[in-house]
Amino acid sequence: MSDVARRWTLIRTEAFLRELRKYLRTHPDRQELVRDTLTALVSDPFTPALRLHPLKGRMQGLHAVRLSYSDRIIITLLITKRQIVLLGIGTHDEVYR
């Protein structure tokens, strides 16, 4: 199977796109970090560098990827379809509100 066939598809929700614009407006220096993280997600969301972890409580069923020490991307994994739904991005406190 080729690398292209194994790739995951990113689905960007309207809420994610709004939060991404706001995040990059307040953190323009992190644009490359976001791009690199999304690229890594498409290749393999389970790579240890992303620190993918399931969420608990009211966010049960969702997962988070570590963007930096204090920042996260919230996702839903649709494993059978090889899709990653991007739900939110921001600081730890913002995304877990």
PDB file of N, CA and C in Angstrom:
ATOM      1  N   MET A   1       0.851  -1.175   0.000  1.00  0.00           N
ATOM      2  CA  MET A   1       0.000   0.000   0.000  1.00  0.00           C
ATOM      3  C   MET A   1       0.896   1.238   0.000  1.00  0.00           C
ATOM      4  N   SER A   2       0.597   2.215  -0.826  1.00  0.00           N
ATOM      5  CA  SER A   2       1.422   3.419  -0.918  1.00  0.00           C
ATOM      6  C   SER A   2       1.152   4.341   0.269  1.00  0.00           C
ATOM      7  N   ASP A   3       2.077   5.303   0.492  1.00  0.00           N
ATOM      8  CA  ASP A   3       1.901   6.270   1.577  1.00  0.00           C
ATOM      9  C   ASP A   3       0.627   7.086   1.401  1.00  0.00           C
ATOM     10  N   VAL A   4       0.292   7.426   0.150  1.00  0.00           N
ATOM     11  CA  VAL A   4      -0.902   8.222  -0.112  1.00  0.00           C
ATOM     12  C   VAL A   4      -2.152   7.452   0.305  1.00  0.00           C
ATOM     13  N   ALA A   5      -2.189   6.165   0.033  1.00  0.00           N
ATOM     14  CA  ALA A   5      -3.356   5.350   0.379  1.00  0.00           C
ATOM     15  C   ALA A   5      -3.535   5.216   1.890  1.00  0.00           C
ATOM     16  N   ARG A   6      -2.465   5.348   2.637  1.00  0.00           N
ATOM     17  CA  ARG A   6      -2.550   5.205   4.101  1.00  0.00           C
ATOM     18  C   ARG A   6      -2.818   6.527   4.807  1.00  0.00           C
ATOM     19  N   ARG A   7      -2.786   7.622   4.096  1.00  0.00           N
ATOM     20  CA  ARG A   7      -2.977   8.931   4.719  1.00  0.00           C
ATOM     21  C   ARG A   7      -4.394   9.086   5.278  1.00  0.00           C
ATOM     22  N   TRP A   8      -4.509   9.953   6.249  1.00  0.00           N
ATOM     23  CA  TRP A   8      -5.799  10.287   6.839  1.00  0.00           C
ATOM     24  C   TRP A   8      -6.306  11.576   6.193  1.00  0.00           C
ATOM     25  N   THR A   9      -7.607  11.775   6.238  1.00  0.00           N
ATOM     26  CA  THR A   9      -8.225  12.986   5.703  1.00  0.00           C
ATOM     27  C   THR A   9      -8.597  13.896   6.861  1.00  0.00           C
ATOM     28  N   LEU A  10      -8.266  15.180   6.732  1.00  0.00           N
ATOM     29  CA  LEU A  10      -8.646  16.167   7.742  1.00  0.00           C
ATOM     30  C   LEU A  10      -9.959  16.814   7.345  1.00  0.00           C
ATOM     31  N   ILE A  11     -10.872  16.906   8.290  1.00  0.00           N
ATOM     32  CA  ILE A  11     -12.138  17.604   8.091  1.00  0.00           C
ATOM     33  C   ILE A  11     -12.136  18.787   9.053  1.00  0.00           C
ATOM     34  N   ARG A  12     -12.193  19.978   8.486  1.00  0.00           N
ATOM     35  CA  ARG A  12     -12.126  21.205   9.280  1.00  0.00           C
ATOM     36  C   ARG A  12     -13.540  21.731   9.525  1.00  0.00           C
ATOM     37  N   THR A  13     -13.962  21.778  10.776  1.00  0.00           N
ATOM     38  CA  THR A  13     -15.279  22.320  11.105  1.00  0.00           C
ATOM     39  C   THR A  13     -15.207  23.846  11.070  1.00  0.00           C
ATOM     40  N   GLU A  14     -16.361  24.476  10.936  1.00  0.00           N
ATOM     41  CA  GLU A  14     -16.424  25.947  10.952  1.00  0.00           C
ATOM     42  C   GLU A  14     -15.890  26.485  12.285  1.00  0.00           C
ATOM     43  N   ALA A  15     -16.233  25.822  13.367  1.00  0.00           N
ATOM     44  CA  ALA A  15     -15.748  26.260  14.688  1.00  0.00           C
ATOM     45  C   ALA A  15     -14.226  26.193  14.743  1.00  0.00           C
ATOM     46  N   PHE A  16     -13.655  25.113  14.213  1.00  0.00           N
ATOM     47  CA  PHE A  16     -12.196  24.990  14.199  1.00  0.00           C
ATOM     48  C   PHE A  16     -11.573  26.115  13.379  1.00  0.00           C
ATOM     49  N   LEU A  17     -12.114  26.400  12.207  1.00  0.00           N
ATOM     50  CA  LEU A  17     -11.548  27.449  11.355  1.00  0.00           C
ATOM     51  C   LEU A  17     -11.612  28.815  12.036  1.00  0.00           C
ATOM     52  N   ARG A  18     -12.719  29.097  12.741  1.00  0.00           N
ATOM     53  CA  ARG A  18     -12.834  30.351  13.495  1.00  0.00           C
ATOM     54  C   ARG A  18     -11.767  30.423  14.586  1.00  0.00           C
ATOM     55  N   GLU A  19     -11.653  29.330  15.350  1.00  0.00           N
ATOM     56  CA  GLU A  19     -10.670  29.300  16.436  1.00  0.00           C
ATOM     57  C   GLU A  19      -9.249  29.362  15.892  1.00  0.00           C
ATOM     58  N   LEU A  20      -8.991  28.735  14.742  1.00  0.00           N
ATOM     59  CA  LEU A  20      -7.666  28.765  14.132  1.00  0.00           C
ATOM     60  C   LEU A  20      -7.285  30.187  13.735  1.00  0.00           C
ATOM     61  N   ARG A  21      -8.215  30.907  13.111  1.00  0.00           N
ATOM     62  CA  ARG A  21      -7.931  32.310  12.740  1.00  0.00           C
ATOM     63  C   ARG A  21      -7.601  33.137  13.980  1.00  0.00           C
ATOM     64  N   LYS A  22      -8.396  32.957  15.032  1.00  0.00           N
ATOM     65  CA  LYS A  22      -8.164  33.692  16.285  1.00  0.00           C
ATOM     66  C   LYS A  22      -6.818  33.293  16.898  1.00  0.00           C
ATOM     67  N   TYR A  23      -6.538  32.007  16.908  1.00  0.00           N
ATOM     68  CA  TYR A  23      -5.284  31.491  17.481  1.00  0.00           C
ATOM     69  C   TYR A  23      -4.081  32.063  16.737  1.00  0.00           C
ATOM     70  N   LEU A  24      -4.129  32.052  15.414  1.00  0.00           N
ATOM     71  CA  LEU A  24      -2.992  32.543  14.626  1.00  0.00           C
ATOM     72  C   LEU A  24      -2.869  34.063  14.684  1.00  0.00           C
ATOM     73  N   ARG A  25      -3.981  34.753  14.914  1.00  0.00           N
ATOM     74  CA  ARG A  25      -3.923  36.202  15.086  1.00  0.00           C
ATOM     75  C   ARG A  25      -3.180  36.554  16.384  1.00  0.00           C
ATOM     76  N   THR A  26      -3.433  35.775  17.430  1.00  0.00           N
ATOM     77  CA  THR A  26      -2.787  36.053  18.717  1.00  0.00           C
ATOM     78  C   THR A  26      -1.416  35.380  18.842  1.00  0.00           C
ATOM     79  N   HIS A  27      -1.154  34.357  18.015  1.00  0.00           N
ATOM     80  CA  HIS A  27       0.127  33.630  18.045  1.00  0.00           C
ATOM     81  C   HIS A  27       0.673  33.446  16.621  1.00  0.00           C
ATOM     82  N   PRO A  28       0.988  34.539  15.930  1.00  0.00           N
ATOM     83  CA  PRO A  28       1.452  34.402  14.539  1.00  0.00           C
ATOM     84  C   PRO A  28       2.744  33.599  14.408  1.00  0.00           C
ATOM     85  N   ASP A  29       3.512  33.544  15.464  1.00  0.00           N
ATOM     86  CA  ASP A  29       4.773  32.797  15.453  1.00  0.00           C
ATOM     87  C   ASP A  29       4.561  31.278  15.435  1.00  0.00           C
ATOM     88  N   ARG A  30       3.332  30.822  15.645  1.00  0.00           N
ATOM     89  CA  ARG A  30       3.065  29.380  15.712  1.00  0.00           C
ATOM     90  C   ARG A  30       2.442  28.808  14.443  1.00  0.00           C
ATOM     91  N   GLN A  31       2.388  29.609  13.375  1.00  0.00           N
ATOM     92  CA  GLN A  31       1.779  29.154  12.129  1.00  0.00           C
ATOM     93  C   GLN A  31       2.475  27.905  11.584  1.00  0.00           C
ATOM     94  N   GLU A  32       3.787  27.906  11.592  1.00  0.00           N
ATOM     95  CA  GLU A  32       4.539  26.748  11.094  1.00  0.00           C
ATOM     96  C   GLU A  32       4.315  25.524  11.987  1.00  0.00           C
ATOM     97  N   LEU A  33       4.238  25.736  13.290  1.00  0.00           N
ATOM     98  CA  LEU A  33       3.981  24.640  14.223  1.00  0.00           C
ATOM     99  C   LEU A  33       2.620  23.993  13.942  1.00  0.00           C
ATOM    100  N   VAL A  34       1.607  24.822  13.700  1.00  0.00           N
ATOM    101  CA  VAL A  34       0.274  24.297  13.390  1.00  0.00           C
ATOM    102  C   VAL A  34       0.331  23.505  12.087  1.00  0.00           C
ATOM    103  N   ARG A  35       0.966  24.063  11.073  1.00  0.00           N
ATOM    104  CA  ARG A  35       1.063  23.371   9.782  1.00  0.00           C
ATOM    105  C   ARG A  35       1.780  22.028   9.932  1.00  0.00           C
ATOM    106  N   ASP A  36       2.890  22.028  10.654  1.00  0.00           N
ATOM    107  CA  ASP A  36       3.644  20.787  10.849  1.00  0.00           C
ATOM    108  C   ASP A  36       2.843  19.749  11.629  1.00  0.00           C
ATOM    109  N   THR A  37       2.093  20.198  12.615  1.00  0.00           N
ATOM    110  CA  THR A  37       1.280  19.284  13.417  1.00  0.00           C
ATOM    111  C   THR A  37       0.162  18.679  12.579  1.00  0.00           C
ATOM    112  N   LEU A  38      -0.501  19.493  11.765  1.00  0.00           N
ATOM    113  CA  LEU A  38      -1.564  18.971  10.898  1.00  0.00           C
ATOM    114  C   LEU A  38      -1.001  18.014   9.859  1.00  0.00           C
ATOM    115  N   THR A  39       0.178  18.301   9.355  1.00  0.00           N
ATOM    116  CA  THR A  39       0.832  17.399   8.401  1.00  0.00           C
ATOM    117  C   THR A  39       1.139  16.061   9.064  1.00  0.00           C
ATOM    118  N   ALA A  40       1.617  16.106  10.293  1.00  0.00           N
ATOM    119  CA  ALA A  40       1.905  14.867  11.027  1.00  0.00           C
ATOM    120  C   ALA A  40       0.622  14.079  11.294  1.00  0.00           C
ATOM    121  N   LEU A  41      -0.472  14.786  11.586  1.00  0.00           N
ATOM    122  CA  LEU A  41      -1.756  14.116  11.819  1.00  0.00           C
ATOM    123  C   LEU A  41      -2.202  13.349  10.582  1.00  0.00           C
ATOM    124  N   VAL A  42      -2.062  13.945   9.421  1.00  0.00           N
ATOM    125  CA  VAL A  42      -2.468  13.294   8.169  1.00  0.00           C
ATOM    126  C   VAL A  42      -1.641  12.041   7.926  1.00  0.00           C
ATOM    127  N   SER A  43      -0.366  12.108   8.244  1.00  0.00           N
ATOM    128  CA  SER A  43       0.524  10.958   8.024  1.00  0.00           C
ATOM    129  C   SER A  43       0.244   9.831   9.007  1.00  0.00           C
ATOM    130  N   ASP A  44       0.174  10.170  10.300  1.00  0.00           N
ATOM    131  CA  ASP A  44      -0.053   9.151  11.328  1.00  0.00           C
ATOM    132  C   ASP A  44      -0.465   9.822  12.633  1.00  0.00           C
ATOM    133  N   PRO A  45      -1.750   9.858  12.933  1.00  0.00           N
ATOM    134  CA  PRO A  45      -2.196  10.519  14.161  1.00  0.00           C
ATOM    135  C   PRO A  45      -1.700   9.841  15.436  1.00  0.00           C
ATOM    136  N   PHE A  46      -1.186   8.622  15.309  1.00  0.00           N
ATOM    137  CA  PHE A  46      -0.742   7.888  16.496  1.00  0.00           C
ATOM    138  C   PHE A  46       0.754   8.011  16.743  1.00  0.00           C
ATOM    139  N   THR A  47       1.448   8.828  15.969  1.00  0.00           N
ATOM    140  CA  THR A  47       2.874   9.020  16.193  1.00  0.00           C
ATOM    141  C   THR A  47       3.081   9.612  17.591  1.00  0.00           C
ATOM    142  N   PRO A  48       4.017   9.089  18.356  1.00  0.00           N
ATOM    143  CA  PRO A  48       4.204   9.538  19.742  1.00  0.00           C
ATOM    144  C   PRO A  48       4.470  11.038  19.897  1.00  0.00           C
ATOM    145  N   ALA A  49       5.071  11.656  18.898  1.00  0.00           N
ATOM    146  CA  ALA A  49       5.396  13.087  19.002  1.00  0.00           C
ATOM    147  C   ALA A  49       4.140  13.951  19.160  1.00  0.00           C
ATOM    148  N   LEU A  50       2.996  13.478  18.677  1.00  0.00           N
ATOM    149  CA  LEU A  50       1.758  14.256  18.770  1.00  0.00           C
ATOM    150  C   LEU A  50       1.101  14.161  20.148  1.00  0.00           C
ATOM    151  N   ARG A  51       1.483  13.153  20.906  1.00  0.00           N
ATOM    152  CA  ARG A  51       0.907  12.938  22.241  1.00  0.00           C
ATOM    153  C   ARG A  51      -0.618  12.892  22.218  1.00  0.00           C
ATOM    154  N   LEU A  52      -1.146  12.152  21.268  1.00  0.00           N
ATOM    155  CA  LEU A  52      -2.587  11.949  21.152  1.00  0.00           C
ATOM    156  C   LEU A  52      -3.096  11.264  22.420  1.00  0.00           C
ATOM    157  N   HIS A  53      -4.165  11.808  22.973  1.00  0.00           N
ATOM    158  CA  HIS A  53      -4.735  11.166  24.159  1.00  0.00           C
ATOM    159  C   HIS A  53      -6.250  11.366  24.195  1.00  0.00           C
ATOM    160  N   PRO A  54      -6.964  10.362  24.707  1.00  0.00           N
ATOM    161  CA  PRO A  54      -8.422  10.473  24.822  1.00  0.00           C
ATOM    162  C   PRO A  54      -8.782  11.428  25.950  1.00  0.00           C
ATOM    163  N   LEU A  55      -9.916  12.087  25.792  1.00  0.00           N
ATOM    164  CA  LEU A  55     -10.381  13.014  26.820  1.00  0.00           C
ATOM    165  C   LEU A  55     -11.434  12.336  27.685  1.00  0.00           C
ATOM    166  N   LYS A  56     -11.638  12.888  28.846  1.00  0.00           N
ATOM    167  CA  LYS A  56     -12.564  12.305  29.816  1.00  0.00           C
ATOM    168  C   LYS A  56     -13.667  13.299  30.149  1.00  0.00           C
ATOM    169  N   GLY A  57     -14.575  12.848  30.974  1.00  0.00           N
ATOM    170  CA  GLY A  57     -15.641  13.727  31.451  1.00  0.00           C
ATOM    171  C   GLY A  57     -16.586  14.142  30.340  1.00  0.00           C
ATOM    172  N   ARG A  58     -16.943  15.414  30.308  1.00  0.00           N
ATOM    173  CA  ARG A  58     -17.903  15.901  29.319  1.00  0.00           C
ATOM    174  C   ARG A  58     -17.355  15.861  27.904  1.00  0.00           C
ATOM    175  N   MET A  59     -16.039  15.667  27.761  1.00  0.00           N
ATOM    176  CA  MET A  59     -15.409  15.600  26.434  1.00  0.00           C
ATOM    177  C   MET A  59     -15.062  14.158  26.043  1.00  0.00           C
ATOM    178  N   GLN A  60     -15.638  13.210  26.763  1.00  0.00           N
ATOM    179  CA  GLN A  60     -15.389  11.799  26.465  1.00  0.00           C
ATOM    180  C   GLN A  60     -15.753  11.495  25.019  1.00  0.00           C
ATOM    181  N   GLY A  61     -14.932  10.708  24.353  1.00  0.00           N
ATOM    182  CA  GLY A  61     -15.145  10.377  22.954  1.00  0.00           C
ATOM    183  C   GLY A  61     -14.306  11.228  22.016  1.00  0.00           C
ATOM    184  N   LEU A  62     -13.749  12.322  22.563  1.00  0.00           N
ATOM    185  CA  LEU A  62     -12.878  13.193  21.784  1.00  0.00           C
ATOM    186  C   LEU A  62     -11.429  12.901  22.152  1.00  0.00           C
ATOM    187  N   HIS A  63     -10.523  13.401  21.343  1.00  0.00           N
ATOM    188  CA  HIS A  63      -9.092  13.253  21.598  1.00  0.00           C
ATOM    189  C   HIS A  63      -8.427  14.620  21.503  1.00  0.00           C
ATOM    190  N   ALA A  64      -7.264  14.721  22.107  1.00  0.00           N
ATOM    191  CA  ALA A  64      -6.470  15.947  22.010  1.00  0.00           C
ATOM    192  C   ALA A  64      -5.080  15.595  21.505  1.00  0.00           C
ATOM    193  N   VAL A  65      -4.520  16.533  20.762  1.00  0.00           N
ATOM    194  CA  VAL A  65      -3.146  16.441  20.279  1.00  0.00           C
ATOM    195  C   VAL A  65      -2.411  17.625  20.866  1.00  0.00           C
ATOM    196  N   ARG A  66      -1.221  17.374  21.342  1.00  0.00           N
ATOM    197  CA  ARG A  66      -0.429  18.426  21.950  1.00  0.00           C
ATOM    198  C   ARG A  66       0.290  19.228  20.865  1.00  0.00           C
ATOM    199  N   LEU A  67      -0.039  20.511  20.792  1.00  0.00           N
ATOM    200  CA  LEU A  67       0.590  21.413  19.831  1.00  0.00           C
ATOM    201  C   LEU A  67       1.870  21.990  20.422  1.00  0.00           C
ATOM    202  N   SER A  68       1.801  22.322  21.692  1.00  0.00           N
ATOM    203  CA  SER A  68       2.957  22.805  22.448  1.00  0.00           C
ATOM    204  C   SER A  68       2.684  22.489  23.912  1.00  0.00           C
ATOM    205  N   TYR A  69       3.550  22.940  24.793  1.00  0.00           N
ATOM    206  CA  TYR A  69       3.362  22.665  26.215  1.00  0.00           C
ATOM    207  C   TYR A  69       1.979  23.117  26.690  1.00  0.00           C
ATOM    208  N   SER A  70       1.525  24.270  26.211  1.00  0.00           N
ATOM    209  CA  SER A  70       0.272  24.824  26.716  1.00  0.00           C
ATOM    210  C   SER A  70      -0.880  24.799  25.719  1.00  0.00           C
ATOM    211  N   ASP A  71      -0.656  24.361  24.483  1.00  0.00           N
ATOM    212  CA  ASP A  71      -1.684  24.448  23.450  1.00  0.00           C
ATOM    213  C   ASP A  71      -2.095  23.068  22.938  1.00  0.00           C
ATOM    214  N   ARG A  72      -3.389  22.962  22.563  1.00  0.00           N
ATOM    215  CA  ARG A  72      -3.946  21.684  22.125  1.00  0.00           C
ATOM    216  C   ARG A  72      -4.808  21.860  20.888  1.00  0.00           C
ATOM    217  N   ILE A  73      -4.955  20.768  20.141  1.00  0.00           N
ATOM    218  CA  ILE A  73      -5.939  20.665  19.072  1.00  0.00           C
ATOM    219  C   ILE A  73      -6.879  19.539  19.486  1.00  0.00           C
ATOM    220  N   ILE A  74      -8.191  19.817  19.467  1.00  0.00           N
ATOM    221  CA  ILE A  74      -9.195  18.828  19.839  1.00  0.00           C
ATOM    222  C   ILE A  74      -9.729  18.194  18.557  1.00  0.00           C
ATOM    223  N   ILE A  75      -9.799  16.853  18.555  1.00  0.00           N
ATOM    224  CA  ILE A  75     -10.204  16.129  17.354  1.00  0.00           C
ATOM    225  C   ILE A  75     -11.151  14.989  17.692  1.00  0.00           C
ATOM    226  N   THR A  76     -11.812  14.506  16.662  1.00  0.00           N
ATOM    227  CA  THR A  76     -12.536  13.241  16.704  1.00  0.00           C
ATOM    228  C   THR A  76     -11.899  12.347  15.655  1.00  0.00           C
ATOM    229  N   LEU A  77     -11.611  11.116  16.027  1.00  0.00           N
ATOM    230  CA  LEU A  77     -11.046  10.155  15.076  1.00  0.00           C
ATOM    231  C   LEU A  77     -12.155   9.257  14.548  1.00  0.00           C
ATOM    232  N   LEU A  78     -12.290   9.207  13.234  1.00  0.00           N
ATOM    233  CA  LEU A  78     -13.212   8.280  12.584  1.00  0.00           C
ATOM    234  C   LEU A  78     -12.333   7.215  11.935  1.00  0.00           C
ATOM    235  N   ILE A  79     -11.977   6.221  12.729  1.00  0.00           N
ATOM    236  CA  ILE A  79     -10.940   5.261  12.337  1.00  0.00           C
ATOM    237  C   ILE A  79     -11.319   4.469  11.094  1.00  0.00           C
ATOM    238  N   THR A  80     -12.550   3.985  11.010  1.00  0.00           N
ATOM    239  CA  THR A  80     -12.920   3.159   9.855  1.00  0.00           C
ATOM    240  C   THR A  80     -12.890   3.952   8.548  1.00  0.00           C
ATOM    241  N   LYS A  81     -13.098   5.266   8.633  1.00  0.00           N
ATOM    242  CA  LYS A  81     -13.059   6.111   7.433  1.00  0.00           C
ATOM    243  C   LYS A  81     -11.708   6.789   7.243  1.00  0.00           C
ATOM    244  N   ARG A  82     -10.798   6.586   8.211  1.00  0.00           N
ATOM    245  CA  ARG A  82      -9.484   7.243   8.203  1.00  0.00           C
ATOM    246  C   ARG A  82      -9.640   8.756   8.094  1.00  0.00           C
ATOM    247  N   GLN A  83     -10.552   9.304   8.908  1.00  0.00           N
ATOM    248  CA  GLN A  83     -10.808  10.737   8.921  1.00  0.00           C
ATOM    249  C   GLN A  83     -10.543  11.300  10.309  1.00  0.00           C
ATOM    250  N   ILE A  84     -10.053  12.536  10.309  1.00  0.00           N
ATOM    251  CA  ILE A  84      -9.817  13.265  11.553  1.00  0.00           C
ATOM    252  C   ILE A  84     -10.624  14.549  11.466  1.00  0.00           C
ATOM    253  N   VAL A  85     -11.585  14.698  12.378  1.00  0.00           N
ATOM    254  CA  VAL A  85     -12.404  15.896  12.406  1.00  0.00           C
ATOM    255  C   VAL A  85     -11.761  16.876  13.386  1.00  0.00           C
ATOM    256  N   LEU A  86     -11.355  18.030  12.870  1.00  0.00           N
ATOM    257  CA  LEU A  86     -10.731  19.063  13.693  1.00  0.00           C
ATOM    258  C   LEU A  86     -11.833  19.895  14.332  1.00  0.00           C
ATOM    259  N   LEU A  87     -11.868  19.921  15.660  1.00  0.00           N
ATOM    260  CA  LEU A  87     -12.955  20.577  16.389  1.00  0.00           C
ATOM    261  C   LEU A  87     -12.552  21.885  17.051  1.00  0.00           C
ATOM    262  N   GLY A  88     -11.326  21.964  17.555  1.00  0.00           N
ATOM    263  CA  GLY A  88     -10.917  23.166  18.271  1.00  0.00           C
ATOM    264  C   GLY A  88      -9.417  23.277  18.381  1.00  0.00           C
ATOM    265  N   ILE A  89      -8.965  24.492  18.637  1.00  0.00           N
ATOM    266  CA  ILE A  89      -7.541  24.756  18.837  1.00  0.00           C
ATOM    267  C   ILE A  89      -7.415  25.926  19.797  1.00  0.00           C
ATOM    268  N   GLY A  90      -6.433  25.857  20.661  1.00  0.00           N
ATOM    269  CA  GLY A  90      -6.214  26.951  21.593  1.00  0.00           C
ATOM    270  C   GLY A  90      -5.364  26.506  22.763  1.00  0.00           C
ATOM    271  N   THR A  91      -5.311  27.385  23.752  1.00  0.00           N
ATOM    272  CA  THR A  91      -4.563  27.042  24.955  1.00  0.00           C
ATOM    273  C   THR A  91      -5.310  25.946  25.706  1.00  0.00           C
ATOM    274  N   HIS A  92      -4.606  25.304  26.592  1.00  0.00           N
ATOM    275  CA  HIS A  92      -5.189  24.234  27.407  1.00  0.00           C
ATOM    276  C   HIS A  92      -6.488  24.710  28.051  1.00  0.00           C
ATOM    277  N   ASP A  93      -6.459  25.882  28.681  1.00  0.00           N
ATOM    278  CA  ASP A  93      -7.647  26.390  29.366  1.00  0.00           C
ATOM    279  C   ASP A  93      -8.786  26.702  28.398  1.00  0.00           C
ATOM    280  N   GLU A  94      -8.475  27.227  27.217  1.00  0.00           N
ATOM    281  CA  GLU A  94      -9.512  27.569  26.239  1.00  0.00           C
ATOM    282  C   GLU A  94     -10.219  26.330  25.702  1.00  0.00           C
ATOM    283  N   VAL A  95      -9.471  25.321  25.325  1.00  0.00           N
ATOM    284  CA  VAL A  95     -10.091  24.166  24.680  1.00  0.00           C
ATOM    285  C   VAL A  95     -10.813  23.244  25.655  1.00  0.00           C
ATOM    286  N   TYR A  96     -10.439  23.276  26.929  1.00  0.00           N
ATOM    287  CA  TYR A  96     -11.093  22.408  27.901  1.00  0.00           C
ATOM    288  C   TYR A  96     -12.217  23.115  28.656  1.00  0.00           C
ATOM    289  N   ARG A  97     -12.585  24.300  28.236  1.00  0.00           N
ATOM    290  CA  ARG A  97     -13.689  25.036  28.860  1.00  0.00           C
ATOM    291  C   ARG A  97     -14.997  24.352  28.640  1.00  0.00           C
TER     292      ARG A  97
END
